Amino acid sequence: MTGIASIRELMTRNMRQSGIYIAFVLIIALFAILTDGLLLSPGNISNIVLQYSYILILAIGMVIVIIAGHIDLSVGSVVAFTGAVAATLVIKDGQPWWVGVVAALVVGLLVGAWQGFWVAFVGIPAFIVTLAGMLLFRGATLLVLDNISLSPFPREYGQIASGFQNGLIGGQGFDAFTLVVFGIAVAGYAFSQWRSRQAKLRYQQVVEAFPLFVLKIALTGAVVMWFAYQLATSRGLPNVLIILAVLIIVYGLVTNRTVFGRHVYAIGGNLSAAQLSGVKVKWVNFWIMTNMGFLAGVAGAVYSSRSNGAQPAAGNMFELDAIAACFIGGAAVTGGVGRVSGAMVGGLIMGVMSNGMQLMGIDQSVQQVVKGLVLLLAVAFDVYNKRRASGSR
C-alpha cells in the first residue's frame, strides 16, 4: 500500500509538471507511429537538435521574463539584428569569425539593457517596450543589411551551429566521445538527485519510496543514453547541443539556487510582497531584460551560423515559438511559476510536432493551426489548475 500511495503522490504532487512529460512521451510515440519510425531515426533526431536549438535558447531567457510577470515580443527581431551585425562585420568587412560572435553578444546585451531601462526605470510595461523593439530592431536589421541578404560565413563560423564533435576517442560505427559525455551527464544527474533526496530526508520532508527513486533515475538514464546512442550513430555530438547544455545548467542553477532567481519568482508571485521584503525590483527587472537580450544575441549567432548568412526576414515569429514553449512547459500566465526544464520540454514538444508534421507532408498552414490549438489548451489547463486550487482552499 505504501508503494501505491507513493506512486499516486508522485503523479499528483505537481500535475502540471508531470503532465507535460507524459504529453511529451505520448506526442513522440504518436508521430513515431505516424511517420513509420522516421521521427526517431538517428539522422532526424540530430536534425531536430540543429533546427530548434535557437528556439530553446530563446525559451531559456523567455521563461525568466514570464516568471517575473513580463513578456518579450522583440526577440525575433533582435535575433535578426544581431545576426545582421555579425554578417556585416565578418562577410562584408572581412573581420575574423569570432569578431562576429562577440559583436552579436555585445549588441544583444546593449539591446537588452536599452529595453530594460524603459521597463525598469521609466516604468513602461514590457509588452509595450518590446512591441516597439520588435518594430525598431526589425527596421535596424533592414538598415544594416541594406535590404539584401549576406552570405556565406567562413567555415569556422558555420561550425557553431552545424559542426559536430566526432571521432575524438574513436568508436566502431558510433562516436564513443558522445556516449562518454552523456554517461557523465547521467552520473551527475543521479548524484544531484541523490543529494537532493538526502537533504529532504534530513529536513523530514516527504520523498518518494526508494524503489521509485531508483526507477526514476534508471528510466531517465536509459532514455538519455538511448538519445546519446542515436546521436553517436549519426554524426556525433552537435556543437550547438554543447552550448545549449551549458546554458540549461547555468540558468537552472541561477533560477533555483541563487538570490537573483528567488527574487525573480518573488516579483512574479507577489510584487507588493517582494517590494516590502526589500527586493530591488527595478534592478531585477533591468537584469531580466538585459539577460533576454544577451540570449537573443546567442540565438542570433547560432541562427545565422545555421543558415550560413543573414537575411532581412530572419527570426520571424521566433518570439511566439519561444513564448509558446514556456507556456506549454508549465509557466503561468500571471507569473511566479515556471522552470527552465519545463520550457525546454515545451520547446521540444513544439519541435517534435513541427518535425513530425513536416515528415508527414502536412501543409504549413495546418501546422500553424495545430500549434495554436496546443498553446491554447496549455494555457487553458493552467487557468483550470488555478481555479481548482483556489476552489479547494
Protein backbone atom coordinates (compact mmCIF):
# COMPACT_ATOMS: atom_id res chain seq x y z
CA MET A 1 0.00 0.00 0.00
CA THR A 2 2.88 2.35 0.73
CA GLY A 3 4.25 1.93 -2.79
CA ILE A 4 0.81 2.58 -4.34
CA ALA A 5 0.35 5.68 -2.23
CA SER A 6 3.82 6.87 -3.25
CA ILE A 7 3.02 6.43 -6.94
CA ARG A 8 -0.23 8.34 -6.56
CA GLU A 9 1.50 11.14 -4.70
CA LEU A 10 4.35 11.22 -7.24
CA MET A 11 1.87 11.65 -10.10
CA THR A 12 -0.40 14.21 -8.40
CA ARG A 13 2.13 16.27 -6.42
CA ASN A 14 2.56 18.60 -9.38
CA MET A 15 0.21 17.56 -12.14
CA ARG A 16 1.23 20.35 -14.47
CA GLN A 17 4.89 19.37 -14.45
CA SER A 18 4.18 15.63 -14.53
CA GLY A 19 1.60 16.08 -17.27
CA ILE A 20 3.99 17.86 -19.62
CA TYR A 21 6.49 14.98 -19.54
CA ILE A 22 3.73 12.43 -20.11
CA ALA A 23 2.39 14.53 -23.01
CA PHE A 24 5.91 14.75 -24.48
CA VAL A 25 6.30 10.96 -24.46
CA LEU A 26 2.83 10.46 -25.98
CA ILE A 27 3.49 13.01 -28.76
CA ILE A 28 6.79 11.33 -29.63
CA ALA A 29 5.08 7.92 -29.71
CA LEU A 30 2.24 9.25 -31.88
CA PHE A 31 4.50 10.83 -34.50
CA ALA A 32 6.88 7.85 -34.44
CA ILE A 33 3.93 5.68 -35.44
CA LEU A 34 2.57 8.14 -38.00
CA THR A 35 6.00 8.53 -39.66
CA ASP A 36 6.78 4.78 -39.60
CA GLY A 37 9.68 5.33 -37.19
CA LEU A 38 11.35 8.03 -39.30
CA LEU A 39 10.93 10.57 -36.49
CA LEU A 40 13.25 8.54 -34.23
CA SER A 41 15.90 7.76 -36.84
CA PRO A 42 19.42 8.90 -35.82
CA GLY A 43 19.70 11.43 -38.66
CA ASN A 44 16.32 13.02 -37.91
CA ILE A 45 16.97 13.28 -34.17
CA SER A 46 20.22 15.08 -34.96
CA ASN A 47 18.32 17.42 -37.31
CA ILE A 48 15.74 18.26 -34.63
CA VAL A 49 18.56 19.36 -32.31
CA LEU A 50 20.06 21.57 -35.02
CA GLN A 51 16.77 23.03 -36.26
CA TYR A 52 15.24 24.06 -32.94
CA SER A 53 18.27 24.88 -30.81
CA TYR A 54 17.87 28.65 -31.20
CA ILE A 55 14.22 28.47 -30.10
CA LEU A 56 15.29 26.59 -26.97
CA ILE A 57 17.97 29.21 -26.28
CA LEU A 58 15.35 31.94 -26.53
CA ALA A 59 12.97 29.95 -24.32
CA ILE A 60 15.55 29.90 -21.50
CA GLY A 61 15.51 33.69 -21.34
CA MET A 62 11.80 33.97 -22.06
CA VAL A 63 10.76 31.73 -19.16
CA ILE A 64 12.65 34.02 -16.75
CA VAL A 65 10.87 37.02 -18.27
CA ILE A 66 7.49 35.29 -17.92
CA ILE A 67 8.15 34.14 -14.34
CA ALA A 68 8.68 37.80 -13.44
CA GLY A 69 5.30 38.65 -14.96
CA HIS A 70 6.56 40.23 -18.21
CA ILE A 71 6.64 39.28 -21.88
CA ASP A 72 9.15 40.00 -24.66
CA LEU A 73 7.84 40.37 -28.21
CA SER A 74 11.10 41.63 -29.70
CA VAL A 75 13.37 38.57 -29.56
CA GLY A 76 12.80 37.53 -33.18
CA SER A 77 13.81 40.97 -34.40
CA VAL A 78 16.81 41.02 -32.05
CA VAL A 79 17.92 37.63 -33.42
CA ALA A 80 17.78 39.09 -36.92
CA PHE A 81 19.55 42.29 -35.87
CA THR A 82 22.44 40.59 -34.05
CA GLY A 83 22.88 38.12 -36.92
CA ALA A 84 22.93 41.04 -39.37
CA VAL A 85 25.63 42.83 -37.37
CA ALA A 86 27.74 39.65 -37.26
CA ALA A 87 27.31 39.09 -41.01
CA THR A 88 28.21 42.67 -41.86
CA LEU A 89 31.43 42.52 -39.86
CA VAL A 90 32.53 39.06 -40.98
CA ILE A 91 31.24 38.77 -44.57
CA LYS A 92 31.18 42.38 -45.70
CA ASP A 93 34.09 43.86 -43.74
CA GLY A 94 36.28 40.72 -43.67
CA GLN A 95 36.71 40.56 -39.88
CA PRO A 96 37.65 37.24 -38.19
CA TRP A 97 34.71 34.93 -37.47
CA TRP A 98 35.00 35.33 -33.69
CA VAL A 99 34.57 39.11 -34.02
CA GLY A 100 31.12 38.46 -35.44
CA VAL A 101 30.22 36.22 -32.49
CA VAL A 102 31.42 38.76 -29.92
CA ALA A 103 29.58 41.55 -31.76
CA ALA A 104 26.32 39.57 -31.75
CA LEU A 105 26.59 39.00 -27.99
CA VAL A 106 27.52 42.61 -27.21
CA VAL A 107 24.75 44.02 -29.40
CA GLY A 108 22.28 41.65 -27.74
CA LEU A 109 23.39 42.87 -24.31
CA LEU A 110 23.02 46.51 -25.35
CA VAL A 111 19.58 45.89 -26.80
CA GLY A 112 18.52 44.11 -23.59
CA ALA A 113 19.88 46.96 -21.45
CA TRP A 114 18.04 49.50 -23.64
CA GLN A 115 14.73 47.72 -23.19
CA GLY A 116 15.46 47.01 -19.53
CA PHE A 117 15.91 50.75 -18.91
CA TRP A 118 12.45 51.56 -20.25
CA VAL A 119 10.80 48.69 -18.40
CA ALA A 120 12.59 49.01 -15.05
CA PHE A 121 13.33 52.70 -14.59
CA VAL A 122 10.77 54.50 -16.76
CA GLY A 123 8.00 52.07 -15.83
CA ILE A 124 6.62 51.28 -19.28
CA PRO A 125 5.12 47.75 -19.44
CA ALA A 126 7.42 45.22 -21.08
CA PHE A 127 4.67 44.35 -23.58
CA ILE A 128 4.76 47.90 -24.99
CA VAL A 129 8.54 48.33 -24.82
CA THR A 130 9.22 45.07 -26.63
CA LEU A 131 6.44 45.66 -29.15
CA ALA A 132 8.23 48.89 -30.02
CA GLY A 133 11.51 46.94 -30.02
CA MET A 134 10.08 44.40 -32.44
CA LEU A 135 9.50 47.20 -34.95
CA LEU A 136 12.64 49.16 -34.09
CA PHE A 137 15.11 46.30 -34.41
CA ARG A 138 13.45 44.83 -37.48
CA GLY A 139 13.94 48.22 -39.11
CA ALA A 140 17.53 48.34 -37.84
CA THR A 141 18.12 44.93 -39.43
CA LEU A 142 16.92 46.24 -42.79
CA LEU A 143 19.21 49.27 -42.45
CA VAL A 144 22.28 47.20 -41.51
CA LEU A 145 21.74 44.73 -44.35
CA ASP A 146 20.59 47.42 -46.80
CA ASN A 147 17.58 45.17 -47.58
CA ILE A 148 19.74 42.38 -49.01
CA SER A 149 20.96 39.02 -47.69
CA LEU A 150 24.61 38.41 -46.84
CA SER A 151 26.31 35.02 -47.21
CA PRO A 152 28.31 32.83 -46.82
CA PHE A 153 30.10 32.87 -43.49
CA PRO A 154 33.58 31.37 -43.11
CA ARG A 155 33.67 27.68 -42.27
CA GLU A 156 34.63 28.33 -38.62
CA TYR A 157 31.53 30.46 -38.05
CA GLY A 158 29.34 27.80 -39.63
CA GLN A 159 30.72 25.20 -37.23
CA ILE A 160 28.97 26.95 -34.31
CA ALA A 161 25.57 25.53 -35.26
CA SER A 162 26.38 22.94 -37.92
CA GLY A 163 29.56 21.35 -36.55
CA PHE A 164 29.96 18.11 -34.59
CA GLN A 165 32.44 16.61 -32.15
CA ASN A 166 33.13 13.22 -33.69
CA GLY A 167 35.97 10.70 -33.54
CA LEU A 168 37.86 12.30 -30.66
CA ILE A 169 38.33 8.95 -28.88
CA GLY A 170 37.29 6.56 -31.61
CA GLY A 171 34.44 4.05 -31.80
CA GLN A 172 33.38 1.41 -34.34
CA GLY A 173 30.20 2.59 -36.10
CA PHE A 174 29.47 5.10 -33.33
CA ASP A 175 31.16 8.05 -31.67
CA ALA A 176 32.47 6.97 -28.28
CA PHE A 177 33.04 10.57 -27.14
CA THR A 178 29.31 11.32 -27.39
CA LEU A 179 28.46 8.30 -25.23
CA VAL A 180 31.09 9.23 -22.64
CA VAL A 181 29.82 12.81 -22.35
CA PHE A 182 26.22 11.68 -21.90
CA GLY A 183 27.30 8.96 -19.48
CA ILE A 184 29.00 11.58 -17.31
CA ALA A 185 25.85 13.73 -17.53
CA VAL A 186 23.65 10.84 -16.37
CA ALA A 187 26.01 10.13 -13.47
CA GLY A 188 25.93 13.80 -12.48
CA TYR A 189 22.13 13.84 -12.65
CA ALA A 190 21.88 10.72 -10.47
CA PHE A 191 24.29 12.20 -7.90
CA SER A 192 22.41 15.52 -7.74
CA GLN A 193 19.08 13.71 -7.31
CA TRP A 194 20.55 11.57 -4.53
CA ARG A 195 21.90 14.65 -2.74
CA SER A 196 18.53 16.38 -3.08
CA ARG A 197 16.78 13.33 -1.64
CA GLN A 198 19.19 13.18 1.30
CA ALA A 199 18.67 16.88 2.03
CA LYS A 200 14.89 16.41 2.08
CA LEU A 201 15.22 13.46 4.44
CA ARG A 202 17.39 15.50 6.80
CA TYR A 203 14.64 18.13 6.97
CA GLN A 204 11.99 15.40 7.31
CA GLN A 205 10.30 16.30 4.03
CA VAL A 206 8.22 13.82 2.04
CA VAL A 207 10.15 11.87 -0.62
CA GLU A 208 9.16 9.03 -2.92
CA ALA A 209 9.83 5.44 -1.90
CA PHE A 210 13.42 4.38 -2.59
CA PRO A 211 12.48 1.79 -5.28
CA LEU A 212 10.56 4.52 -7.10
CA PHE A 213 13.53 6.87 -6.77
CA VAL A 214 15.84 4.26 -8.31
CA LEU A 215 13.29 3.53 -11.06
CA LYS A 216 13.06 7.22 -11.94
CA ILE A 217 16.85 7.54 -12.20
CA ALA A 218 17.11 4.32 -14.23
CA LEU A 219 14.39 5.32 -16.70
CA THR A 220 15.83 8.81 -17.13
CA GLY A 221 19.31 7.39 -17.67
CA ALA A 222 18.03 4.85 -20.19
CA VAL A 223 16.21 7.50 -22.23
CA VAL A 224 19.21 9.86 -22.18
CA MET A 225 21.65 7.13 -23.21
CA TRP A 226 19.31 5.99 -25.99
CA PHE A 227 19.26 9.59 -27.24
CA ALA A 228 23.06 9.70 -26.97
CA TYR A 229 23.39 6.48 -28.98
CA GLN A 230 21.19 7.92 -31.74
CA LEU A 231 23.46 10.96 -31.97
CA ALA A 232 26.58 8.79 -31.75
CA THR A 233 25.49 6.64 -34.69
CA SER A 234 24.59 9.70 -36.76
CA ARG A 235 27.17 12.48 -36.84
CA GLY A 236 28.32 12.71 -33.24
CA LEU A 237 27.79 15.39 -30.61
CA PRO A 238 26.46 18.67 -32.13
CA ASN A 239 28.38 21.77 -31.07
CA VAL A 240 25.12 23.62 -30.57
CA LEU A 241 23.94 20.96 -28.11
CA ILE A 242 27.03 21.65 -26.00
CA ILE A 243 26.16 25.37 -26.00
CA LEU A 244 22.55 24.59 -25.11
CA ALA A 245 23.51 22.17 -22.32
CA VAL A 246 25.82 24.74 -20.72
CA LEU A 247 23.06 27.37 -20.82
CA ILE A 248 20.49 24.96 -19.33
CA ILE A 249 22.81 24.03 -16.45
CA VAL A 250 23.82 27.64 -15.73
CA TYR A 251 20.31 29.08 -15.87
CA GLY A 252 18.86 26.11 -13.99
CA LEU A 253 21.27 26.93 -11.15
CA VAL A 254 20.56 30.67 -11.41
CA THR A 255 16.80 30.26 -11.15
CA ASN A 256 16.83 27.59 -8.43
CA ARG A 257 19.91 28.24 -6.30
CA THR A 258 20.64 32.00 -6.32
CA VAL A 259 19.23 35.07 -4.62
CA PHE A 260 18.53 36.61 -8.02
CA GLY A 261 16.44 33.60 -9.01
CA ARG A 262 14.41 33.76 -5.80
CA HIS A 263 13.83 37.47 -6.39
CA VAL A 264 12.53 36.77 -9.92
CA TYR A 265 9.99 34.30 -8.53
CA ALA A 266 9.07 36.71 -5.74
CA ILE A 267 8.37 39.55 -8.17
CA GLY A 268 6.19 37.38 -10.38
CA GLY A 269 4.40 35.73 -7.47
CA ASN A 270 3.56 38.86 -5.47
CA LEU A 271 5.05 42.18 -6.50
CA SER A 272 3.88 44.10 -3.43
CA ALA A 273 5.25 41.50 -1.03
CA ALA A 274 8.56 41.47 -2.92
CA GLN A 275 8.86 45.25 -2.58
CA LEU A 276 8.03 45.13 1.12
CA SER A 277 10.64 42.39 1.56
CA GLY A 278 13.37 44.65 0.25
CA VAL A 279 13.74 43.17 -3.25
CA LYS A 280 15.29 45.74 -5.60
CA VAL A 281 12.53 45.26 -8.16
CA LYS A 282 13.79 47.84 -10.67
CA TRP A 283 17.27 46.35 -10.88
CA VAL A 284 15.99 42.79 -11.05
CA ASN A 285 13.69 43.75 -13.93
CA PHE A 286 16.56 45.53 -15.65
CA TRP A 287 18.79 42.47 -15.49
CA ILE A 288 15.96 40.17 -16.60
CA MET A 289 15.52 42.17 -19.81
CA THR A 290 19.29 42.56 -20.27
CA ASN A 291 19.70 38.80 -19.97
CA MET A 292 16.95 38.24 -22.54
CA GLY A 293 18.82 40.49 -24.94
CA PHE A 294 22.05 38.56 -24.33
CA LEU A 295 20.38 35.21 -25.05
CA ALA A 296 18.77 36.69 -28.17
CA GLY A 297 22.32 37.57 -29.24
CA VAL A 298 23.42 33.97 -28.62
CA ALA A 299 20.43 32.75 -30.65
CA GLY A 300 21.29 35.29 -33.36
CA ALA A 301 24.81 33.90 -33.69
CA VAL A 302 23.52 30.31 -33.70
CA TYR A 303 20.76 31.01 -36.24
CA SER A 304 22.98 32.97 -38.63
CA SER A 305 25.55 30.16 -38.37
CA ARG A 306 22.87 27.56 -39.09
CA SER A 307 21.52 29.49 -42.10
CA ASN A 308 25.08 30.43 -43.21
CA GLY A 309 24.14 34.06 -43.64
CA ALA A 310 21.89 36.90 -42.55
CA GLN A 311 18.52 37.73 -44.08
CA PRO A 312 16.21 40.71 -43.51
CA ALA A 313 13.33 38.36 -42.60
CA ALA A 314 15.36 36.17 -40.20
CA GLY A 315 13.80 35.44 -36.82
CA ASN A 316 10.24 35.97 -37.99
CA MET A 317 7.78 34.57 -35.38
CA PHE A 318 10.61 33.29 -33.16
CA GLU A 319 9.18 35.21 -30.22
CA LEU A 320 5.88 33.37 -30.49
CA ASP A 321 7.61 29.97 -30.61
CA ALA A 322 9.65 30.86 -27.51
CA ILE A 323 6.59 32.13 -25.63
CA ALA A 324 4.61 29.05 -26.62
CA ALA A 325 7.44 26.78 -25.40
CA CYS A 326 7.32 28.45 -21.97
CA PHE A 327 3.55 28.24 -21.54
CA ILE A 328 3.35 24.67 -22.82
CA GLY A 329 6.20 23.82 -20.46
CA GLY A 330 4.30 24.95 -17.36
CA ALA A 331 4.92 28.70 -16.98
CA ALA A 332 1.92 30.55 -15.55
CA VAL A 333 0.30 33.40 -17.47
CA THR A 334 0.21 35.54 -14.32
CA GLY A 335 3.89 34.95 -13.46
CA GLY A 336 5.59 33.42 -10.46
CA VAL A 337 5.58 29.87 -11.87
CA GLY A 338 7.87 28.19 -14.40
CA ARG A 339 11.08 26.23 -14.80
CA VAL A 340 13.89 26.19 -17.34
CA SER A 341 13.49 22.41 -17.72
CA GLY A 342 9.77 22.84 -18.39
CA ALA A 343 10.44 25.43 -21.08
CA MET A 344 12.91 23.04 -22.72
CA VAL A 345 10.30 20.26 -22.79
CA GLY A 346 7.72 22.71 -24.14
CA GLY A 347 10.12 23.76 -26.89
CA LEU A 348 10.87 20.14 -27.75
CA ILE A 349 7.15 19.40 -27.96
CA MET A 350 6.78 22.21 -30.50
CA GLY A 351 9.86 20.97 -32.35
CA VAL A 352 8.73 17.33 -32.46
CA MET A 353 5.26 18.34 -33.65
CA SER A 354 6.66 20.58 -36.38
CA ASN A 355 9.20 17.99 -37.49
CA GLY A 356 6.66 15.17 -37.42
CA MET A 357 4.14 17.12 -39.47
CA GLN A 358 6.84 18.07 -41.97
CA LEU A 359 7.80 14.41 -42.36
CA MET A 360 4.14 13.60 -42.96
CA GLY A 361 3.92 16.30 -45.65
CA ILE A 362 1.28 18.32 -43.79
CA ASP A 363 0.75 21.84 -45.15
CA GLN A 364 2.39 24.71 -43.28
CA SER A 365 -0.96 26.40 -42.67
CA VAL A 366 -2.29 23.29 -40.91
CA GLN A 367 0.88 23.16 -38.79
CA GLN A 368 0.21 26.70 -37.57
CA VAL A 369 -3.38 25.75 -36.65
CA VAL A 370 -2.16 22.76 -34.63
CA LYS A 371 0.47 24.83 -32.81
CA GLY A 372 -2.11 27.47 -31.95
CA LEU A 373 -4.51 24.88 -30.54
CA VAL A 374 -1.78 23.27 -28.44
CA LEU A 375 -0.82 26.66 -26.96
CA LEU A 376 -4.45 27.50 -26.23
CA LEU A 377 -5.01 24.16 -24.48
CA ALA A 378 -1.84 24.57 -22.41
CA VAL A 379 -2.93 28.00 -21.13
CA ALA A 380 -6.48 26.73 -20.54
CA PHE A 381 -5.04 23.91 -18.44
CA ASP A 382 -3.08 26.46 -16.39
CA VAL A 383 -6.24 28.52 -15.77
CA TYR A 384 -8.18 25.36 -14.84
CA ASN A 385 -5.50 24.34 -12.33
CA LYS A 386 -5.56 27.78 -10.67
CA ARG A 387 -9.35 27.75 -10.36
CA ARG A 388 -9.31 24.25 -8.92
CA ALA A 389 -6.60 25.20 -6.42
CA SER A 390 -8.46 28.35 -5.31
CA GLY A 391 -11.70 26.37 -5.07
CA SER A 392 -10.08 23.74 -2.85
CA ARG A 393 -8.97 26.45 -0.42
